[in-house]
Amino acid sequence: SKPNHWDGMLEVVGVTGVVHLGQIQSGLRSAMRIAQGGHIKIHLNCETPVQVDGEPWVQSAGDVVVLKSALKATMLKKLKGKMKRRNTEPFMVQGPGSGPQLVLPPESDISNHNNAF
């Protein structure tokens, strides 16, 4: 089936080399589709360069197993409208009869733990 971001499936594709990768990036060619699945096991006979989500490495020979549970990710969603910014920067104040104290603004989420250090 045609891949999409929400199908819970992993797309395994191959490239022949750096030139092929450049052609894919420029839209001249596409990658070679190898597999699509929710639970994938790949057996590598020798060390093979791989890339997952933009992270490249050399995978040693052996079996690589991708479980369906590994394909689920929590995504952040952009809020509509403008987000209210709170002042969470600490500031220094002179305490009565003592030296300077570091104080968090009262609206800070962590200010209720300890207001002054």
PDB file of N, CA and C in Angstrom:
ATOM      1  N   SER A   1       0.841  -1.188   0.000  1.00  0.00           N
ATOM      2  CA  SER A   1       0.000   0.000   0.000  1.00  0.00           C
ATOM      3  C   SER A   1       0.881   1.245   0.000  1.00  0.00           C
ATOM      4  N   LYS A   2       0.288   2.357  -0.360  1.00  0.00           N
ATOM      5  CA  LYS A   2       1.028   3.611  -0.418  1.00  0.00           C
ATOM      6  C   LYS A   2       1.393   4.057   0.999  1.00  0.00           C
ATOM      7  N   PRO A   3       2.666   4.419   1.234  1.00  0.00           N
ATOM      8  CA  PRO A   3       3.083   4.812   2.583  1.00  0.00           C
ATOM      9  C   PRO A   3       2.488   6.144   3.020  1.00  0.00           C
ATOM     10  N   ASN A   4       2.222   6.244   4.343  1.00  0.00           N
ATOM     11  CA  ASN A   4       1.863   7.524   4.945  1.00  0.00           C
ATOM     12  C   ASN A   4       2.376   7.539   6.377  1.00  0.00           C
ATOM     13  N   HIS A   5       2.340   8.684   7.006  1.00  0.00           N
ATOM     14  CA  HIS A   5       2.924   8.848   8.344  1.00  0.00           C
ATOM     15  C   HIS A   5       2.124   8.172   9.441  1.00  0.00           C
ATOM     16  N   TRP A   6       0.868   7.859   9.207  1.00  0.00           N
ATOM     17  CA  TRP A   6      -0.020   7.405  10.269  1.00  0.00           C
ATOM     18  C   TRP A   6      -0.397   5.936  10.167  1.00  0.00           C
ATOM     19  N   ASP A   7       0.174   5.205   9.212  1.00  0.00           N
ATOM     20  CA  ASP A   7      -0.262   3.823   9.016  1.00  0.00           C
ATOM     21  C   ASP A   7       0.380   2.837   9.984  1.00  0.00           C
ATOM     22  N   GLY A   8       1.354   3.271  10.790  1.00  0.00           N
ATOM     23  CA  GLY A   8       1.997   2.377  11.742  1.00  0.00           C
ATOM     24  C   GLY A   8       2.919   1.372  11.078  1.00  0.00           C
ATOM     25  N   MET A   9       3.289   1.630   9.846  1.00  0.00           N
ATOM     26  CA  MET A   9       4.148   0.718   9.093  1.00  0.00           C
ATOM     27  C   MET A   9       5.516   1.355   8.877  1.00  0.00           C
ATOM     28  N   LEU A  10       6.524   0.509   8.798  1.00  0.00           N
ATOM     29  CA  LEU A  10       7.883   0.956   8.525  1.00  0.00           C
ATOM     30  C   LEU A  10       8.181   0.701   7.055  1.00  0.00           C
ATOM     31  N   GLU A  11       8.742   1.695   6.399  1.00  0.00           N
ATOM     32  CA  GLU A  11       9.144   1.551   4.999  1.00  0.00           C
ATOM     33  C   GLU A  11      10.632   1.241   4.966  1.00  0.00           C
ATOM     34  N   VAL A  12      11.012   0.163   4.311  1.00  0.00           N
ATOM     35  CA  VAL A  12      12.415  -0.195   4.135  1.00  0.00           C
ATOM     36  C   VAL A  12      12.743   0.041   2.667  1.00  0.00           C
ATOM     37  N   VAL A  13      13.675   0.955   2.419  1.00  0.00           N
ATOM     38  CA  VAL A  13      14.059   1.290   1.051  1.00  0.00           C
ATOM     39  C   VAL A  13      15.566   1.165   0.904  1.00  0.00           C
ATOM     40  N   GLY A  14      16.022   1.041  -0.323  1.00  0.00           N
ATOM     41  CA  GLY A  14      17.443   0.916  -0.592  1.00  0.00           C
ATOM     42  C   GLY A  14      17.905   1.938  -1.607  1.00  0.00           C
ATOM     43  N   VAL A  15      19.182   2.265  -1.532  1.00  0.00           N
ATOM     44  CA  VAL A  15      19.818   3.142  -2.514  1.00  0.00           C
ATOM     45  C   VAL A  15      21.106   2.467  -2.966  1.00  0.00           C
ATOM     46  N   THR A  16      21.531   2.784  -4.188  1.00  0.00           N
ATOM     47  CA  THR A  16      22.735   2.143  -4.726  1.00  0.00           C
ATOM     48  C   THR A  16      24.011   2.855  -4.310  1.00  0.00           C
ATOM     49  N   GLY A  17      23.901   4.099  -3.864  1.00  0.00           N
ATOM     50  CA  GLY A  17      25.089   4.840  -3.466  1.00  0.00           C
ATOM     51  C   GLY A  17      24.785   6.309  -3.288  1.00  0.00           C
ATOM     52  N   VAL A  18      25.841   7.089  -3.161  1.00  0.00           N
ATOM     53  CA  VAL A  18      25.713   8.516  -2.897  1.00  0.00           C
ATOM     54  C   VAL A  18      25.059   9.246  -4.073  1.00  0.00           C
ATOM     55  N   VAL A  19      25.409   8.855  -5.296  1.00  0.00           N
ATOM     56  CA  VAL A  19      24.818   9.504  -6.472  1.00  0.00           C
ATOM     57  C   VAL A  19      23.310   9.256  -6.498  1.00  0.00           C
ATOM     58  N   HIS A  20      22.909   8.024  -6.249  1.00  0.00           N
ATOM     59  CA  HIS A  20      21.485   7.681  -6.212  1.00  0.00           C
ATOM     60  C   HIS A  20      20.782   8.492  -5.120  1.00  0.00           C
ATOM     61  N   LEU A  21      21.405   8.624  -3.965  1.00  0.00           N
ATOM     62  CA  LEU A  21      20.828   9.399  -2.867  1.00  0.00           C
ATOM     63  C   LEU A  21      20.635  10.860  -3.276  1.00  0.00           C
ATOM     64  N   GLY A  22      21.615  11.434  -3.969  1.00  0.00           N
ATOM     65  CA  GLY A  22      21.494  12.808  -4.455  1.00  0.00           C
ATOM     66  C   GLY A  22      20.369  12.956  -5.464  1.00  0.00           C
ATOM     67  N   GLN A  23      20.214  11.954  -6.329  1.00  0.00           N
ATOM     68  CA  GLN A  23      19.133  11.989  -7.317  1.00  0.00           C
ATOM     69  C   GLN A  23      17.767  11.902  -6.641  1.00  0.00           C
ATOM     70  N   ILE A  24      17.685  11.143  -5.558  1.00  0.00           N
ATOM     71  CA  ILE A  24      16.432  11.055  -4.796  1.00  0.00           C
ATOM     72  C   ILE A  24      16.109  12.412  -4.184  1.00  0.00           C
ATOM     73  N   GLN A  25      17.119  13.050  -3.586  1.00  0.00           N
ATOM     74  CA  GLN A  25      16.922  14.355  -2.956  1.00  0.00           C
ATOM     75  C   GLN A  25      16.481  15.410  -3.968  1.00  0.00           C
ATOM     76  N   SER A  26      16.981  15.312  -5.196  1.00  0.00           N
ATOM     77  CA  SER A  26      16.625  16.307  -6.213  1.00  0.00           C
ATOM     78  C   SER A  26      15.355  15.944  -6.973  1.00  0.00           C
ATOM     79  N   GLY A  27      14.773  14.780  -6.681  1.00  0.00           N
ATOM     80  CA  GLY A  27      13.520  14.384  -7.313  1.00  0.00           C
ATOM     81  C   GLY A  27      13.674  13.690  -8.650  1.00  0.00           C
ATOM     82  N   LEU A  28      14.914  13.376  -9.060  1.00  0.00           N
ATOM     83  CA  LEU A  28      15.135  12.711 -10.344  1.00  0.00           C
ATOM     84  C   LEU A  28      14.828  11.214 -10.294  1.00  0.00           C
ATOM     85  N   ARG A  29      15.042  10.600  -9.162  1.00  0.00           N
ATOM     86  CA  ARG A  29      14.801   9.167  -8.995  1.00  0.00           C
ATOM     87  C   ARG A  29      14.132   8.928  -7.656  1.00  0.00           C
ATOM     88  N   SER A  30      13.714   7.723  -7.439  1.00  0.00           N
ATOM     89  CA  SER A  30      13.173   7.343  -6.134  1.00  0.00           C
ATOM     90  C   SER A  30      13.954   6.142  -5.624  1.00  0.00           C
ATOM     91  N   ALA A  31      13.840   5.889  -4.331  1.00  0.00           N
ATOM     92  CA  ALA A  31      14.549   4.769  -3.717  1.00  0.00           C
ATOM     93  C   ALA A  31      13.908   3.453  -4.143  1.00  0.00           C
ATOM     94  N   MET A  32      14.663   2.377  -4.002  1.00  0.00           N
ATOM     95  CA  MET A  32      14.142   1.047  -4.312  1.00  0.00           C
ATOM     96  C   MET A  32      13.386   0.536  -3.092  1.00  0.00           C
ATOM     97  N   ARG A  33      12.114   0.297  -3.247  1.00  0.00           N
ATOM     98  CA  ARG A  33      11.286  -0.171  -2.137  1.00  0.00           C
ATOM     99  C   ARG A  33      11.588  -1.647  -1.885  1.00  0.00           C
ATOM    100  N   ILE A  34      11.980  -1.955  -0.651  1.00  0.00           N
ATOM    101  CA  ILE A  34      12.337  -3.325  -0.292  1.00  0.00           C
ATOM    102  C   ILE A  34      11.206  -3.997   0.464  1.00  0.00           C
ATOM    103  N   ALA A  35      10.656  -3.311   1.466  1.00  0.00           N
ATOM    104  CA  ALA A  35       9.594  -3.919   2.276  1.00  0.00           C
ATOM    105  C   ALA A  35       8.792  -2.846   2.985  1.00  0.00           C
ATOM    106  N   GLN A  36       7.613  -3.257   3.460  1.00  0.00           N
ATOM    107  CA  GLN A  36       6.761  -2.413   4.288  1.00  0.00           C
ATOM    108  C   GLN A  36       6.119  -3.338   5.307  1.00  0.00           C
ATOM    109  N   GLY A  37       6.165  -2.952   6.580  1.00  0.00           N
ATOM    110  CA  GLY A  37       5.537  -3.815   7.570  1.00  0.00           C
ATOM    111  C   GLY A  37       5.524  -3.211   8.952  1.00  0.00           C
ATOM    112  N   GLY A  38       4.764  -3.852   9.813  1.00  0.00           N
ATOM    113  CA  GLY A  38       4.676  -3.417  11.197  1.00  0.00           C
ATOM    114  C   GLY A  38       5.660  -4.162  12.085  1.00  0.00           C
ATOM    115  N   HIS A  39       6.048  -5.368  11.694  1.00  0.00           N
ATOM    116  CA  HIS A  39       7.044  -6.174  12.408  1.00  0.00           C
ATOM    117  C   HIS A  39       8.000  -6.678  11.337  1.00  0.00           C
ATOM    118  N   ILE A  40       9.240  -6.224  11.395  1.00  0.00           N
ATOM    119  CA  ILE A  40      10.196  -6.538  10.327  1.00  0.00           C
ATOM    120  C   ILE A  40      11.440  -7.178  10.918  1.00  0.00           C
ATOM    121  N   LYS A  41      11.927  -8.220  10.235  1.00  0.00           N
ATOM    122  CA  LYS A  41      13.190  -8.861  10.597  1.00  0.00           C
ATOM    123  C   LYS A  41      14.066  -8.866   9.351  1.00  0.00           C
ATOM    124  N   ILE A  42      15.263  -8.305   9.481  1.00  0.00           N
ATOM    125  CA  ILE A  42      16.208  -8.228   8.368  1.00  0.00           C
ATOM    126  C   ILE A  42      17.466  -8.983   8.767  1.00  0.00           C
ATOM    127  N   HIS A  43      17.912  -9.895   7.902  1.00  0.00           N
ATOM    128  CA  HIS A  43      19.159 -10.626   8.150  1.00  0.00           C
ATOM    129  C   HIS A  43      20.250 -10.012   7.281  1.00  0.00           C
ATOM    130  N   LEU A  44      21.325  -9.552   7.912  1.00  0.00           N
ATOM    131  CA  LEU A  44      22.461  -8.965   7.202  1.00  0.00           C
ATOM    132  C   LEU A  44      23.620  -9.947   7.220  1.00  0.00           C
ATOM    133  N   ASN A  45      24.164 -10.276   6.040  1.00  0.00           N
ATOM    134  CA  ASN A  45      25.292 -11.208   5.946  1.00  0.00           C
ATOM    135  C   ASN A  45      26.622 -10.539   6.254  1.00  0.00           C
ATOM    136  N   CYS A  46      26.695  -9.219   6.104  1.00  0.00           N
ATOM    137  CA  CYS A  46      27.933  -8.490   6.370  1.00  0.00           C
ATOM    138  C   CYS A  46      27.587  -7.101   6.903  1.00  0.00           C
ATOM    139  N   GLU A  47      28.614  -6.356   7.326  1.00  0.00           N
ATOM    140  CA  GLU A  47      28.378  -4.985   7.785  1.00  0.00           C
ATOM    141  C   GLU A  47      27.726  -4.181   6.663  1.00  0.00           C
ATOM    142  N   THR A  48      26.705  -3.395   7.023  1.00  0.00           N
ATOM    143  CA  THR A  48      25.948  -2.642   6.024  1.00  0.00           C
ATOM    144  C   THR A  48      25.659  -1.236   6.544  1.00  0.00           C
ATOM    145  N   PRO A  49      25.933  -0.207   5.726  1.00  0.00           N
ATOM    146  CA  PRO A  49      25.558   1.147   6.154  1.00  0.00           C
ATOM    147  C   PRO A  49      24.036   1.290   6.137  1.00  0.00           C
ATOM    148  N   VAL A  50      23.485   1.823   7.224  1.00  0.00           N
ATOM    149  CA  VAL A  50      22.038   2.021   7.339  1.00  0.00           C
ATOM    150  C   VAL A  50      21.766   3.444   7.815  1.00  0.00           C
ATOM    151  N   GLN A  51      20.522   3.855   7.649  1.00  0.00           N
ATOM    152  CA  GLN A  51      20.100   5.166   8.138  1.00  0.00           C
ATOM    153  C   GLN A  51      18.652   5.054   8.570  1.00  0.00           C
ATOM    154  N   VAL A  52      18.366   5.485   9.796  1.00  0.00           N
ATOM    155  CA  VAL A  52      17.002   5.474  10.322  1.00  0.00           C
ATOM    156  C   VAL A  52      16.699   6.866  10.856  1.00  0.00           C
ATOM    157  N   ASP A  53      15.637   7.467  10.366  1.00  0.00           N
ATOM    158  CA  ASP A  53      15.237   8.819  10.777  1.00  0.00           C
ATOM    159  C   ASP A  53      16.387   9.811  10.693  1.00  0.00           C
ATOM    160  N   GLY A  54      17.197   9.704   9.654  1.00  0.00           N
ATOM    161  CA  GLY A  54      18.289  10.646   9.443  1.00  0.00           C
ATOM    162  C   GLY A  54      19.565  10.318  10.184  1.00  0.00           C
ATOM    163  N   GLU A  55      19.572   9.269  10.998  1.00  0.00           N
ATOM    164  CA  GLU A  55      20.762   8.891  11.762  1.00  0.00           C
ATOM    165  C   GLU A  55      21.484   7.736  11.070  1.00  0.00           C
ATOM    166  N   PRO A  56      22.677   7.986  10.489  1.00  0.00           N
ATOM    167  CA  PRO A  56      23.411   6.919   9.812  1.00  0.00           C
ATOM    168  C   PRO A  56      24.365   6.179  10.750  1.00  0.00           C
ATOM    169  N   TRP A  57      24.610   4.911  10.475  1.00  0.00           N
ATOM    170  CA  TRP A  57      25.621   4.124  11.165  1.00  0.00           C
ATOM    171  C   TRP A  57      25.907   2.878  10.344  1.00  0.00           C
ATOM    172  N   VAL A  58      26.934   2.132  10.730  1.00  0.00           N
ATOM    173  CA  VAL A  58      27.247   0.865  10.080  1.00  0.00           C
ATOM    174  C   VAL A  58      26.723  -0.239  10.983  1.00  0.00           C
ATOM    175  N   GLN A  59      25.779  -1.010  10.475  1.00  0.00           N
ATOM    176  CA  GLN A  59      25.161  -2.095  11.238  1.00  0.00           C
ATOM    177  C   GLN A  59      25.978  -3.363  11.022  1.00  0.00           C
ATOM    178  N   SER A  60      26.356  -4.029  12.100  1.00  0.00           N
ATOM    179  CA  SER A  60      27.125  -5.266  11.979  1.00  0.00           C
ATOM    180  C   SER A  60      26.243  -6.396  11.460  1.00  0.00           C
ATOM    181  N   ALA A  61      26.885  -7.460  10.989  1.00  0.00           N
ATOM    182  CA  ALA A  61      26.163  -8.614  10.449  1.00  0.00           C
ATOM    183  C   ALA A  61      25.282  -9.235  11.526  1.00  0.00           C
ATOM    184  N   GLY A  62      24.171  -9.814  11.109  1.00  0.00           N
ATOM    185  CA  GLY A  62      23.251 -10.454  12.047  1.00  0.00           C
ATOM    186  C   GLY A  62      21.820 -10.079  11.730  1.00  0.00           C
ATOM    187  N   ASP A  63      20.937 -10.337  12.679  1.00  0.00           N
ATOM    188  CA  ASP A  63      19.520 -10.053  12.493  1.00  0.00           C
ATOM    189  C   ASP A  63      19.150  -8.720  13.133  1.00  0.00           C
ATOM    190  N   VAL A  64      18.363  -7.941  12.427  1.00  0.00           N
ATOM    191  CA  VAL A  64      17.808  -6.691  12.942  1.00  0.00           C
ATOM    192  C   VAL A  64      16.303  -6.890  13.008  1.00  0.00           C
ATOM    193  N   VAL A  65      15.726  -6.712  14.197  1.00  0.00           N
ATOM    194  CA  VAL A  65      14.292  -6.906  14.382  1.00  0.00           C
ATOM    195  C   VAL A  65      13.672  -5.580  14.802  1.00  0.00           C
ATOM    196  N   VAL A  66      12.621  -5.182  14.110  1.00  0.00           N
ATOM    197  CA  VAL A  66      11.870  -3.973  14.450  1.00  0.00           C
ATOM    198  C   VAL A  66      10.476  -4.413  14.860  1.00  0.00           C
ATOM    199  N   LEU A  67      10.133  -4.183  16.123  1.00  0.00           N
ATOM    200  CA  LEU A  67       8.821  -4.566  16.639  1.00  0.00           C
ATOM    201  C   LEU A  67       7.792  -3.483  16.338  1.00  0.00           C
ATOM    202  N   LYS A  68       6.551  -3.873  16.215  1.00  0.00           N
ATOM    203  CA  LYS A  68       5.471  -2.917  15.934  1.00  0.00           C
ATOM    204  C   LYS A  68       5.393  -1.849  17.023  1.00  0.00           C
ATOM    205  N   SER A  69       5.668  -2.226  18.271  1.00  0.00           N
ATOM    206  CA  SER A  69       5.599  -1.263  19.375  1.00  0.00           C
ATOM    207  C   SER A  69       6.650  -0.164  19.239  1.00  0.00           C
ATOM    208  N   ALA A  70       7.746  -0.441  18.525  1.00  0.00           N
ATOM    209  CA  ALA A  70       8.798   0.561  18.332  1.00  0.00           C
ATOM    210  C   ALA A  70       8.404   1.612  17.302  1.00  0.00           C
ATOM    211  N   LEU A  71       7.341   1.367  16.556  1.00  0.00           N
ATOM    212  CA  LEU A  71       6.929   2.287  15.501  1.00  0.00           C
ATOM    213  C   LEU A  71       5.947   3.337  15.987  1.00  0.00           C
ATOM    214  N   LYS A  72       5.557   3.267  17.252  1.00  0.00           N
ATOM    215  CA  LYS A  72       4.611   4.240  17.802  1.00  0.00           C
ATOM    216  C   LYS A  72       5.388   5.350  18.484  1.00  0.00           C
ATOM    217  N   ALA A  73       5.031   6.584  18.168  1.00  0.00           N
ATOM    218  CA  ALA A  73       5.708   7.734  18.759  1.00  0.00           C
ATOM    219  C   ALA A  73       4.674   8.766  19.175  1.00  0.00           C
ATOM    220  N   THR A  74       4.967   9.455  20.265  1.00  0.00           N
ATOM    221  CA  THR A  74       4.117  10.550  20.705  1.00  0.00           C
ATOM    222  C   THR A  74       4.568  11.808  19.978  1.00  0.00           C
ATOM    223  N   MET A  75       3.640  12.468  19.335  1.00  0.00           N
ATOM    224  CA  MET A  75       3.963  13.663  18.565  1.00  0.00           C
ATOM    225  C   MET A  75       3.364  14.892  19.244  1.00  0.00           C
ATOM    226  N   LEU A  76       4.048  16.007  19.118  1.00  0.00           N
ATOM    227  CA  LEU A  76       3.542  17.270  19.635  1.00  0.00           C
ATOM    228  C   LEU A  76       2.703  17.944  18.562  1.00  0.00           C
ATOM    229  N   LYS A  77       1.685  18.654  18.983  1.00  0.00           N
ATOM    230  CA  LYS A  77       0.809  19.346  18.049  1.00  0.00           C
ATOM    231  C   LYS A  77       0.891  20.840  18.314  1.00  0.00           C
ATOM    232  N   LYS A  78       1.029  21.615  17.253  1.00  0.00           N
ATOM    233  CA  LYS A  78       1.104  23.066  17.382  1.00  0.00           C
ATOM    234  C   LYS A  78      -0.267  23.616  17.757  1.00  0.00           C
ATOM    235  N   LEU A  79      -0.289  24.505  18.758  1.00  0.00           N
ATOM    236  CA  LEU A  79      -1.530  25.141  19.174  1.00  0.00           C
ATOM    237  C   LEU A  79      -1.949  26.200  18.175  1.00  0.00           C
ATOM    238  N   LYS A  80      -3.244  26.333  17.986  1.00  0.00           N
ATOM    239  CA  LYS A  80      -3.755  27.407  17.140  1.00  0.00           C
ATOM    240  C   LYS A  80      -3.766  28.685  17.964  1.00  0.00           C
ATOM    241  N   GLY A  81      -3.422  29.785  17.334  1.00  0.00           N
ATOM    242  CA  GLY A  81      -3.403  31.056  18.050  1.00  0.00           C
ATOM    243  C   GLY A  81      -2.049  31.302  18.693  1.00  0.00           C
ATOM    244  N   LYS A  82      -1.960  32.391  19.420  1.00  0.00           N
ATOM    245  CA  LYS A  82      -0.707  32.788  20.044  1.00  0.00           C
ATOM    246  C   LYS A  82      -0.591  32.175  21.435  1.00  0.00           C
ATOM    247  N   MET A  83       0.586  31.664  21.740  1.00  0.00           N
ATOM    248  CA  MET A  83       0.819  31.066  23.041  1.00  0.00           C
ATOM    249  C   MET A  83       1.257  32.148  24.031  1.00  0.00           C
ATOM    250  N   LYS A  84       0.678  32.147  25.216  1.00  0.00           N
ATOM    251  CA  LYS A  84       1.015  33.124  26.248  1.00  0.00           C
ATOM    252  C   LYS A  84       2.367  32.753  26.850  1.00  0.00           C
ATOM    253  N   ARG A  85       3.282  33.705  26.888  1.00  0.00           N
ATOM    254  CA  ARG A  85       4.610  33.463  27.443  1.00  0.00           C
ATOM    255  C   ARG A  85       4.636  33.932  28.884  1.00  0.00           C
ATOM    256  N   ARG A  86       5.154  33.075  29.751  1.00  0.00           N
ATOM    257  CA  ARG A  86       5.276  33.444  31.159  1.00  0.00           C
ATOM    258  C   ARG A  86       6.725  33.764  31.479  1.00  0.00           C
ATOM    259  N   ASN A  87       6.921  34.664  32.405  1.00  0.00           N
ATOM    260  CA  ASN A  87       8.267  34.988  32.850  1.00  0.00           C
ATOM    261  C   ASN A  87       8.717  33.921  33.844  1.00  0.00           C
ATOM    262  N   THR A  88       9.695  33.129  33.446  1.00  0.00           N
ATOM    263  CA  THR A  88      10.195  32.072  34.328  1.00  0.00           C
ATOM    264  C   THR A  88      11.666  32.283  34.669  1.00  0.00           C
ATOM    265  N   GLU A  89      12.192  33.464  34.351  1.00  0.00           N
ATOM    266  CA  GLU A  89      13.589  33.753  34.645  1.00  0.00           C
ATOM    267  C   GLU A  89      13.760  34.095  36.127  1.00  0.00           C
ATOM    268  N   PRO A  90      14.729  33.477  36.804  1.00  0.00           N
ATOM    269  CA  PRO A  90      14.980  33.842  38.204  1.00  0.00           C
ATOM    270  C   PRO A  90      15.624  35.233  38.280  1.00  0.00           C
ATOM    271  N   PHE A  91      15.492  35.881  39.443  1.00  0.00           N
ATOM    272  CA  PHE A  91      16.111  37.183  39.623  1.00  0.00           C
ATOM    273  C   PHE A  91      16.637  37.281  41.052  1.00  0.00           C
ATOM    274  N   MET A  92      17.572  38.229  41.274  1.00  0.00           N
ATOM    275  CA  MET A  92      18.207  38.406  42.578  1.00  0.00           C
ATOM    276  C   MET A  92      17.506  39.529  43.337  1.00  0.00           C
ATOM    277  N   VAL A  93      17.266  39.305  44.642  1.00  0.00           N
ATOM    278  CA  VAL A  93      16.721  40.343  45.515  1.00  0.00           C
ATOM    279  C   VAL A  93      17.558  40.388  46.781  1.00  0.00           C
ATOM    280  N   GLN A  94      17.566  41.549  47.429  1.00  0.00           N
ATOM    281  CA  GLN A  94      18.286  41.707  48.691  1.00  0.00           C
ATOM    282  C   GLN A  94      17.322  41.372  49.822  1.00  0.00           C
ATOM    283  N   GLY A  95      17.610  40.292  50.547  1.00  0.00           N
ATOM    284  CA  GLY A  95      16.768  39.890  51.665  1.00  0.00           C
ATOM    285  C   GLY A  95      17.027  40.753  52.886  1.00  0.00           C
ATOM    286  N   PRO A  96      16.043  40.884  53.789  1.00  0.00           N
ATOM    287  CA  PRO A  96      16.236  41.693  55.000  1.00  0.00           C
ATOM    288  C   PRO A  96      17.264  41.040  55.926  1.00  0.00           C
ATOM    289  N   GLY A  97      18.347  41.756  56.195  1.00  0.00           N
ATOM    290  CA  GLY A  97      19.376  41.276  57.112  1.00  0.00           C
ATOM    291  C   GLY A  97      20.192  40.118  56.567  1.00  0.00           C
ATOM    292  N   SER A  98      20.103  39.836  55.294  1.00  0.00           N
ATOM    293  CA  SER A  98      20.894  38.742  54.717  1.00  0.00           C
ATOM    294  C   SER A  98      21.417  39.173  53.357  1.00  0.00           C
ATOM    295  N   GLY A  99      22.172  38.308  52.751  1.00  0.00           N
ATOM    296  CA  GLY A  99      22.728  38.603  51.432  1.00  0.00           C
ATOM    297  C   GLY A  99      21.686  38.435  50.337  1.00  0.00           C
ATOM    298  N   PRO A 100      22.106  38.577  49.099  1.00  0.00           N
ATOM    299  CA  PRO A 100      21.190  38.438  47.971  1.00  0.00           C
ATOM    300  C   PRO A 100      20.596  37.026  47.901  1.00  0.00           C
ATOM    301  N   GLN A 101      19.354  36.940  47.460  1.00  0.00           N
ATOM    302  CA  GLN A 101      18.673  35.660  47.303  1.00  0.00           C
ATOM    303  C   GLN A 101      18.194  35.521  45.866  1.00  0.00           C
ATOM    304  N   LEU A 102      18.261  34.304  45.361  1.00  0.00           N
ATOM    305  CA  LEU A 102      17.752  34.005  44.028  1.00  0.00           C
ATOM    306  C   LEU A 102      16.281  33.647  44.164  1.00  0.00           C
ATOM    307  N   VAL A 103      15.407  34.358  43.446  1.00  0.00           N
ATOM    308  CA  VAL A 103      13.963  34.164  43.575  1.00  0.00           C
ATOM    309  C   VAL A 103      13.376  33.853  42.206  1.00  0.00           C
ATOM    310  N   LEU A 104      12.431  32.915  42.185  1.00  0.00           N
ATOM    311  CA  LEU A 104      11.696  32.604  40.963  1.00  0.00           C
ATOM    312  C   LEU A 104      10.417  33.417  40.935  1.00  0.00           C
ATOM    313  N   PRO A 105       9.952  33.820  39.773  1.00  0.00           N
ATOM    314  CA  PRO A 105       8.692  34.566  39.682  1.00  0.00           C
ATOM    315  C   PRO A 105       7.540  33.746  40.252  1.00  0.00           C
ATOM    316  N   PRO A 106       6.532  34.376  40.853  1.00  0.00           N
ATOM    317  CA  PRO A 106       5.433  33.643  41.481  1.00  0.00           C
ATOM    318  C   PRO A 106       4.612  32.807  40.511  1.00  0.00           C
ATOM    319  N   GLU A 107       4.530  33.182  39.227  1.00  0.00           N
ATOM    320  CA  GLU A 107       3.723  32.402  38.294  1.00  0.00           C
ATOM    321  C   GLU A 107       4.459  31.178  37.757  1.00  0.00           C
ATOM    322  N   SER A 108       5.726  30.997  38.135  1.00  0.00           N
ATOM    323  CA  SER A 108       6.492  29.850  37.657  1.00  0.00           C
ATOM    324  C   SER A 108       5.955  28.560  38.255  1.00  0.00           C
ATOM    325  N   ASP A 109       5.929  27.504  37.455  1.00  0.00           N
ATOM    326  CA  ASP A 109       5.452  26.197  37.919  1.00  0.00           C
ATOM    327  C   ASP A 109       6.312  25.638  39.042  1.00  0.00           C
ATOM    328  N   ILE A 110       7.613  25.975  39.042  1.00  0.00           N
ATOM    329  CA  ILE A 110       8.480  25.410  40.059  1.00  0.00           C
ATOM    330  C   ILE A 110       8.637  26.325  41.265  1.00  0.00           C
ATOM    331  N   SER A 111       8.031  27.492  41.242  1.00  0.00           N
ATOM    332  CA  SER A 111       8.202  28.422  42.355  1.00  0.00           C
ATOM    333  C   SER A 111       7.550  27.916  43.630  1.00  0.00           C
ATOM    334  N   ASN A 112       6.535  27.052  43.522  1.00  0.00           N
ATOM    335  CA  ASN A 112       5.893  26.559  44.731  1.00  0.00           C
ATOM    336  C   ASN A 112       6.731  25.499  45.439  1.00  0.00           C
ATOM    337  N   HIS A 113       7.809  25.023  44.818  1.00  0.00           N
ATOM    338  CA  HIS A 113       8.688  24.065  45.481  1.00  0.00           C
ATOM    339  C   HIS A 113       9.609  24.765  46.473  1.00  0.00           C
ATOM    340  N   ASN A 114      10.185  25.888  46.033  1.00  0.00           N
ATOM    341  CA  ASN A 114      11.116  26.613  46.883  1.00  0.00           C
ATOM    342  C   ASN A 114      11.267  28.014  46.305  1.00  0.00           C
ATOM    343  N   ASN A 115      10.742  29.008  46.969  1.00  0.00           N
ATOM    344  CA  ASN A 115      10.700  30.358  46.428  1.00  0.00           C
ATOM    345  C   ASN A 115      12.040  31.075  46.457  1.00  0.00           C
ATOM    346  N   ALA A 116      12.888  30.786  47.424  1.00  0.00           N
ATOM    347  CA  ALA A 116      14.181  31.457  47.513  1.00  0.00           C
ATOM    348  C   ALA A 116      15.241  30.437  47.880  1.00  0.00           C
ATOM    349  N   PHE A 117      16.418  30.631  47.339  1.00  0.00           N
ATOM    350  CA  PHE A 117      17.523  29.694  47.621  1.00  0.00           C
ATOM    351  C   PHE A 117      18.506  30.321  48.558  1.00  0.00           C
TER     352      PHE A 117
END
